[in-house]
Amino acid sequence: MRWQFEQYMYKKGSICPKQHIEKTDRETMAMDTSHMSPETKQFWKLERRDVMRRRLFRDDGPSNTDW
């Protein structure tokens, strides 16, 4: 339900794209996976890895990495 509301606000222009991405990144990093199945934990582990890569490239720029 909350996701649908956020999508609605995003489409209306109340949430700018950068704020929306940062908010979803924070939620992804803060998610508790202790109660989830191993497959779901693996999915969120990969999502967190992607968030960290985005942060790395956004903060330092691709020229400072060896990816």
PDB file of N, CA and C in Angstrom:
ATOM      1  N   MET A   1       0.818  -1.194   0.000  1.00  0.00           N
ATOM      2  CA  MET A   1       0.000   0.000   0.000  1.00  0.00           C
ATOM      3  C   MET A   1       0.866   1.264   0.000  1.00  0.00           C
ATOM      4  N   ARG A   2       1.895   1.275   0.873  1.00  0.00           N
ATOM      5  CA  ARG A   2       2.752   2.449   0.939  1.00  0.00           C
ATOM      6  C   ARG A   2       3.481   2.649  -0.383  1.00  0.00           C
ATOM      7  N   TRP A   3       3.932   1.530  -0.991  1.00  0.00           N
ATOM      8  CA  TRP A   3       4.632   1.623  -2.263  1.00  0.00           C
ATOM      9  C   TRP A   3       3.744   2.265  -3.322  1.00  0.00           C
ATOM     10  N   GLN A   4       2.465   1.881  -3.357  1.00  0.00           N
ATOM     11  CA  GLN A   4       1.540   2.453  -4.333  1.00  0.00           C
ATOM     12  C   GLN A   4       1.380   3.948  -4.116  1.00  0.00           C
ATOM     13  N   PHE A   5       1.306   4.361  -2.846  1.00  0.00           N
ATOM     14  CA  PHE A   5       1.194   5.786  -2.543  1.00  0.00           C
ATOM     15  C   PHE A   5       2.441   6.533  -3.009  1.00  0.00           C
ATOM     16  N   GLU A   6       3.627   5.949  -2.751  1.00  0.00           N
ATOM     17  CA  GLU A   6       4.870   6.589  -3.182  1.00  0.00           C
ATOM     18  C   GLU A   6       4.933   6.698  -4.698  1.00  0.00           C
ATOM     19  N   GLN A   7       4.499   5.657  -5.400  1.00  0.00           N
ATOM     20  CA  GLN A   7       4.487   5.707  -6.859  1.00  0.00           C
ATOM     21  C   GLN A   7       3.543   6.800  -7.351  1.00  0.00           C
ATOM     22  N   TYR A   8       2.393   6.925  -6.710  1.00  0.00           N
ATOM     23  CA  TYR A   8       1.432   7.966  -7.071  1.00  0.00           C
ATOM     24  C   TYR A   8       2.044   9.355  -6.864  1.00  0.00           C
ATOM     25  N   MET A   9       2.693   9.556  -5.719  1.00  0.00           N
ATOM     26  CA  MET A   9       3.299  10.849  -5.432  1.00  0.00           C
ATOM     27  C   MET A   9       4.451  11.130  -6.392  1.00  0.00           C
ATOM     28  N   TYR A  10       5.201  10.092  -6.745  1.00  0.00           N
ATOM     29  CA  TYR A  10       6.301  10.249  -7.687  1.00  0.00           C
ATOM     30  C   TYR A  10       5.772  10.704  -9.042  1.00  0.00           C
ATOM     31  N   LYS A  11       4.683  10.066  -9.505  1.00  0.00           N
ATOM     32  CA  LYS A  11       4.110  10.423 -10.801  1.00  0.00           C
ATOM     33  C   LYS A  11       3.556  11.837 -10.796  1.00  0.00           C
ATOM     34  N   LYS A  12       3.018  12.281  -9.656  1.00  0.00           N
ATOM     35  CA  LYS A  12       2.483  13.630  -9.560  1.00  0.00           C
ATOM     36  C   LYS A  12       3.573  14.681  -9.452  1.00  0.00           C
ATOM     37  N   GLY A  13       4.790  14.241  -9.168  1.00  0.00           N
ATOM     38  CA  GLY A  13       5.901  15.177  -9.076  1.00  0.00           C
ATOM     39  C   GLY A  13       6.183  15.650  -7.666  1.00  0.00           C
ATOM     40  N   SER A  14       5.512  15.079  -6.668  1.00  0.00           N
ATOM     41  CA  SER A  14       5.756  15.488  -5.292  1.00  0.00           C
ATOM     42  C   SER A  14       7.066  14.930  -4.760  1.00  0.00           C
ATOM     43  N   ILE A  15       7.520  13.823  -5.305  1.00  0.00           N
ATOM     44  CA  ILE A  15       8.790  13.231  -4.914  1.00  0.00           C
ATOM     45  C   ILE A  15       9.700  13.271  -6.133  1.00  0.00           C
ATOM     46  N   CYS A  16      10.842  13.921  -5.988  1.00  0.00           N
ATOM     47  CA  CYS A  16      11.750  13.972  -7.132  1.00  0.00           C
ATOM     48  C   CYS A  16      12.449  12.621  -7.276  1.00  0.00           C
ATOM     49  N   PRO A  17      12.894  12.270  -8.461  1.00  0.00           N
ATOM     50  CA  PRO A  17      13.511  10.964  -8.692  1.00  0.00           C
ATOM     51  C   PRO A  17      14.695  10.672  -7.772  1.00  0.00           C
ATOM     52  N   LYS A  18      15.537  11.659  -7.511  1.00  0.00           N
ATOM     53  CA  LYS A  18      16.708  11.426  -6.666  1.00  0.00           C
ATOM     54  C   LYS A  18      16.275  11.088  -5.241  1.00  0.00           C
ATOM     55  N   GLN A  19      15.300  11.817  -4.713  1.00  0.00           N
ATOM     56  CA  GLN A  19      14.808  11.536  -3.360  1.00  0.00           C
ATOM     57  C   GLN A  19      14.185  10.155  -3.293  1.00  0.00           C
ATOM     58  N   HIS A  20      13.464   9.783  -4.325  1.00  0.00           N
ATOM     59  CA  HIS A  20      12.807   8.477  -4.353  1.00  0.00           C
ATOM     60  C   HIS A  20      13.843   7.349  -4.347  1.00  0.00           C
ATOM     61  N   ILE A  21      14.877   7.486  -5.129  1.00  0.00           N
ATOM     62  CA  ILE A  21      15.927   6.469  -5.186  1.00  0.00           C
ATOM     63  C   ILE A  21      16.643   6.377  -3.844  1.00  0.00           C
ATOM     64  N   GLU A  22      16.965   7.518  -3.247  1.00  0.00           N
ATOM     65  CA  GLU A  22      17.655   7.514  -1.961  1.00  0.00           C
ATOM     66  C   GLU A  22      16.795   6.880  -0.881  1.00  0.00           C
ATOM     67  N   LYS A  23      15.500   7.147  -0.915  1.00  0.00           N
ATOM     68  CA  LYS A  23      14.592   6.580   0.087  1.00  0.00           C
ATOM     69  C   LYS A  23      14.501   5.062  -0.055  1.00  0.00           C
ATOM     70  N   THR A  24      14.359   4.567  -1.275  1.00  0.00           N
ATOM     71  CA  THR A  24      14.281   3.123  -1.469  1.00  0.00           C
ATOM     72  C   THR A  24      15.611   2.452  -1.140  1.00  0.00           C
ATOM     73  N   ASP A  25      16.739   3.138  -1.410  1.00  0.00           N
ATOM     74  CA  ASP A  25      18.043   2.593  -1.042  1.00  0.00           C
ATOM     75  C   ASP A  25      18.176   2.462   0.468  1.00  0.00           C
ATOM     76  N   ARG A  26      17.734   3.479   1.206  1.00  0.00           N
ATOM     77  CA  ARG A  26      17.790   3.413   2.670  1.00  0.00           C
ATOM     78  C   ARG A  26      16.930   2.278   3.197  1.00  0.00           C
ATOM     79  N   GLU A  27      15.747   2.113   2.631  1.00  0.00           N
ATOM     80  CA  GLU A  27      14.857   1.035   3.066  1.00  0.00           C
ATOM     81  C   GLU A  27      15.463  -0.339   2.766  1.00  0.00           C
ATOM     82  N   THR A  28      16.104  -0.463   1.624  1.00  0.00           N
ATOM     83  CA  THR A  28      16.741  -1.727   1.258  1.00  0.00           C
ATOM     84  C   THR A  28      17.864  -2.060   2.232  1.00  0.00           C
ATOM     85  N   MET A  29      18.690  -1.081   2.571  1.00  0.00           N
ATOM     86  CA  MET A  29      19.815  -1.329   3.462  1.00  0.00           C
ATOM     87  C   MET A  29      19.357  -1.628   4.893  1.00  0.00           C
ATOM     88  N   ALA A  30      18.231  -1.078   5.312  1.00  0.00           N
ATOM     89  CA  ALA A  30      17.748  -1.246   6.684  1.00  0.00           C
ATOM     90  C   ALA A  30      16.872  -2.488   6.864  1.00  0.00           C
ATOM     91  N   MET A  31      16.559  -3.177   5.790  1.00  0.00           N
ATOM     92  CA  MET A  31      15.637  -4.306   5.871  1.00  0.00           C
ATOM     93  C   MET A  31      16.203  -5.450   6.701  1.00  0.00           C
ATOM     94  N   ASP A  32      15.367  -5.982   7.593  1.00  0.00           N
ATOM     95  CA  ASP A  32      15.738  -7.130   8.421  1.00  0.00           C
ATOM     96  C   ASP A  32      15.381  -8.406   7.664  1.00  0.00           C
ATOM     97  N   THR A  33      16.378  -9.242   7.404  1.00  0.00           N
ATOM     98  CA  THR A  33      16.145 -10.470   6.648  1.00  0.00           C
ATOM     99  C   THR A  33      16.247 -11.719   7.513  1.00  0.00           C
ATOM    100  N   SER A  34      16.316 -11.555   8.816  1.00  0.00           N
ATOM    101  CA  SER A  34      16.518 -12.706   9.696  1.00  0.00           C
ATOM    102  C   SER A  34      15.367 -13.709   9.644  1.00  0.00           C
ATOM    103  N   HIS A  35      14.192 -13.254   9.327  1.00  0.00           N
ATOM    104  CA  HIS A  35      13.016 -14.126   9.298  1.00  0.00           C
ATOM    105  C   HIS A  35      12.702 -14.671   7.896  1.00  0.00           C
ATOM    106  N   MET A  36      13.511 -14.338   6.924  1.00  0.00           N
ATOM    107  CA  MET A  36      13.221 -14.699   5.537  1.00  0.00           C
ATOM    108  C   MET A  36      13.887 -16.015   5.137  1.00  0.00           C
ATOM    109  N   SER A  37      13.398 -16.574   4.053  1.00  0.00           N
ATOM    110  CA  SER A  37      13.967 -17.824   3.526  1.00  0.00           C
ATOM    111  C   SER A  37      15.361 -17.562   2.937  1.00  0.00           C
ATOM    112  N   PRO A  38      16.171 -18.596   2.788  1.00  0.00           N
ATOM    113  CA  PRO A  38      17.517 -18.403   2.214  1.00  0.00           C
ATOM    114  C   PRO A  38      17.501 -17.779   0.819  1.00  0.00           C
ATOM    115  N   GLU A  39      16.523 -18.136   0.008  1.00  0.00           N
ATOM    116  CA  GLU A  39      16.442 -17.557  -1.338  1.00  0.00           C
ATOM    117  C   GLU A  39      16.136 -16.067  -1.272  1.00  0.00           C
ATOM    118  N   THR A  40      15.236 -15.692  -0.383  1.00  0.00           N
ATOM    119  CA  THR A  40      14.879 -14.279  -0.239  1.00  0.00           C
ATOM    120  C   THR A  40      16.056 -13.492   0.336  1.00  0.00           C
ATOM    121  N   LYS A  41      16.763 -14.087   1.288  1.00  0.00           N
ATOM    122  CA  LYS A  41      17.946 -13.428   1.845  1.00  0.00           C
ATOM    123  C   LYS A  41      18.985 -13.187   0.758  1.00  0.00           C
ATOM    124  N   GLN A  42      19.166 -14.157  -0.113  1.00  0.00           N
ATOM    125  CA  GLN A  42      20.129 -13.998  -1.202  1.00  0.00           C
ATOM    126  C   GLN A  42      19.716 -12.869  -2.131  1.00  0.00           C
ATOM    127  N   PHE A  43      18.424 -12.766  -2.434  1.00  0.00           N
ATOM    128  CA  PHE A  43      17.922 -11.682  -3.276  1.00  0.00           C
ATOM    129  C   PHE A  43      18.255 -10.325  -2.653  1.00  0.00           C
ATOM    130  N   TRP A  44      17.954 -10.161  -1.363  1.00  0.00           N
ATOM    131  CA  TRP A  44      18.198  -8.875  -0.708  1.00  0.00           C
ATOM    132  C   TRP A  44      19.691  -8.603  -0.541  1.00  0.00           C
ATOM    133  N   LYS A  45      20.484  -9.641  -0.408  1.00  0.00           N
ATOM    134  CA  LYS A  45      21.931  -9.467  -0.354  1.00  0.00           C
ATOM    135  C   LYS A  45      22.433  -8.862  -1.662  1.00  0.00           C
ATOM    136  N   LEU A  46      21.922  -9.370  -2.775  1.00  0.00           N
ATOM    137  CA  LEU A  46      22.305  -8.822  -4.081  1.00  0.00           C
ATOM    138  C   LEU A  46      21.789  -7.399  -4.263  1.00  0.00           C
ATOM    139  N   GLU A  47      20.585  -7.137  -3.759  1.00  0.00           N
ATOM    140  CA  GLU A  47      20.046  -5.775  -3.834  1.00  0.00           C
ATOM    141  C   GLU A  47      20.922  -4.807  -3.043  1.00  0.00           C
ATOM    142  N   ARG A  48      21.342  -5.220  -1.856  1.00  0.00           N
ATOM    143  CA  ARG A  48      22.220  -4.371  -1.042  1.00  0.00           C
ATOM    144  C   ARG A  48      23.548  -4.130  -1.742  1.00  0.00           C
ATOM    145  N   ARG A  49      24.073  -5.161  -2.389  1.00  0.00           N
ATOM    146  CA  ARG A  49      25.314  -5.007  -3.141  1.00  0.00           C
ATOM    147  C   ARG A  49      25.135  -3.954  -4.236  1.00  0.00           C
ATOM    148  N   ASP A  50      24.003  -3.994  -4.925  1.00  0.00           N
ATOM    149  CA  ASP A  50      23.735  -3.012  -5.973  1.00  0.00           C
ATOM    150  C   ASP A  50      23.632  -1.602  -5.409  1.00  0.00           C
ATOM    151  N   VAL A  51      23.010  -1.470  -4.238  1.00  0.00           N
ATOM    152  CA  VAL A  51      22.899  -0.160  -3.596  1.00  0.00           C
ATOM    153  C   VAL A  51      24.292   0.369  -3.269  1.00  0.00           C
ATOM    154  N   MET A  52      25.140  -0.489  -2.717  1.00  0.00           N
ATOM    155  CA  MET A  52      26.496  -0.059  -2.373  1.00  0.00           C
ATOM    156  C   MET A  52      27.284   0.344  -3.623  1.00  0.00           C
ATOM    157  N   ARG A  53      27.100  -0.374  -4.702  1.00  0.00           N
ATOM    158  CA  ARG A  53      27.775   0.005  -5.951  1.00  0.00           C
ATOM    159  C   ARG A  53      27.281   1.356  -6.457  1.00  0.00           C
ATOM    160  N   ARG A  54      25.970   1.570  -6.399  1.00  0.00           N
ATOM    161  CA  ARG A  54      25.433   2.873  -6.817  1.00  0.00           C
ATOM    162  C   ARG A  54      26.000   3.988  -5.960  1.00  0.00           C
ATOM    163  N   ARG A  55      26.069   3.759  -4.654  1.00  0.00           N
ATOM    164  CA  ARG A  55      26.627   4.779  -3.758  1.00  0.00           C
ATOM    165  C   ARG A  55      28.092   5.045  -4.079  1.00  0.00           C
ATOM    166  N   LEU A  56      28.833   3.996  -4.324  1.00  0.00           N
ATOM    167  CA  LEU A  56      30.244   4.144  -4.640  1.00  0.00           C
ATOM    168  C   LEU A  56      30.438   4.972  -5.908  1.00  0.00           C
ATOM    169  N   PHE A  57      29.697   4.650  -6.938  1.00  0.00           N
ATOM    170  CA  PHE A  57      29.826   5.382  -8.191  1.00  0.00           C
ATOM    171  C   PHE A  57      29.287   6.801  -8.080  1.00  0.00           C
ATOM    172  N   ARG A  58      28.246   6.984  -7.293  1.00  0.00           N
ATOM    173  CA  ARG A  58      27.655   8.313  -7.136  1.00  0.00           C
ATOM    174  C   ARG A  58      28.568   9.197  -6.300  1.00  0.00           C
ATOM    175  N   ASP A  59      29.196   8.641  -5.245  1.00  0.00           N
ATOM    176  CA  ASP A  59      30.006   9.451  -4.345  1.00  0.00           C
ATOM    177  C   ASP A  59      31.401   9.711  -4.896  1.00  0.00           C
ATOM    178  N   ASP A  60      32.080   8.672  -5.358  1.00  0.00           N
ATOM    179  CA  ASP A  60      33.472   8.811  -5.768  1.00  0.00           C
ATOM    180  C   ASP A  60      33.656   8.943  -7.270  1.00  0.00           C
ATOM    181  N   GLY A  61      32.688   8.527  -8.019  1.00  0.00           N
ATOM    182  CA  GLY A  61      32.822   8.541  -9.469  1.00  0.00           C
ATOM    183  C   GLY A  61      33.511   7.291  -9.959  1.00  0.00           C
ATOM    184  N   PRO A  62      33.215   6.865 -11.156  1.00  0.00           N
ATOM    185  CA  PRO A  62      33.765   5.607 -11.679  1.00  0.00           C
ATOM    186  C   PRO A  62      35.277   5.649 -11.878  1.00  0.00           C
ATOM    187  N   SER A  63      35.875   6.801 -11.969  1.00  0.00           N
ATOM    188  CA  SER A  63      37.307   6.861 -12.213  1.00  0.00           C
ATOM    189  C   SER A  63      38.128   6.439 -10.990  1.00  0.00           C
ATOM    190  N   ASN A  64      37.526   6.436  -9.814  1.00  0.00           N
ATOM    191  CA  ASN A  64      38.235   6.097  -8.592  1.00  0.00           C
ATOM    192  C   ASN A  64      38.071   4.636  -8.199  1.00  0.00           C
ATOM    193  N   THR A  65      37.501   3.831  -9.057  1.00  0.00           N
ATOM    194  CA  THR A  65      37.256   2.427  -8.717  1.00  0.00           C
ATOM    195  C   THR A  65      37.965   1.513  -9.699  1.00  0.00           C
ATOM    196  N   ASP A  66      38.074   0.264  -9.338  1.00  0.00           N
ATOM    197  CA  ASP A  66      38.698  -0.703 -10.249  1.00  0.00           C
ATOM    198  C   ASP A  66      37.676  -1.721 -10.727  1.00  0.00           C
ATOM    199  N   TRP A  67      36.433  -1.352 -10.872  1.00  0.00           N
ATOM    200  CA  TRP A  67      35.371  -2.273 -11.297  1.00  0.00           C
ATOM    201  C   TRP A  67      35.561  -2.624 -12.738  1.00  0.00           C
TER     202      TRP A  67
END
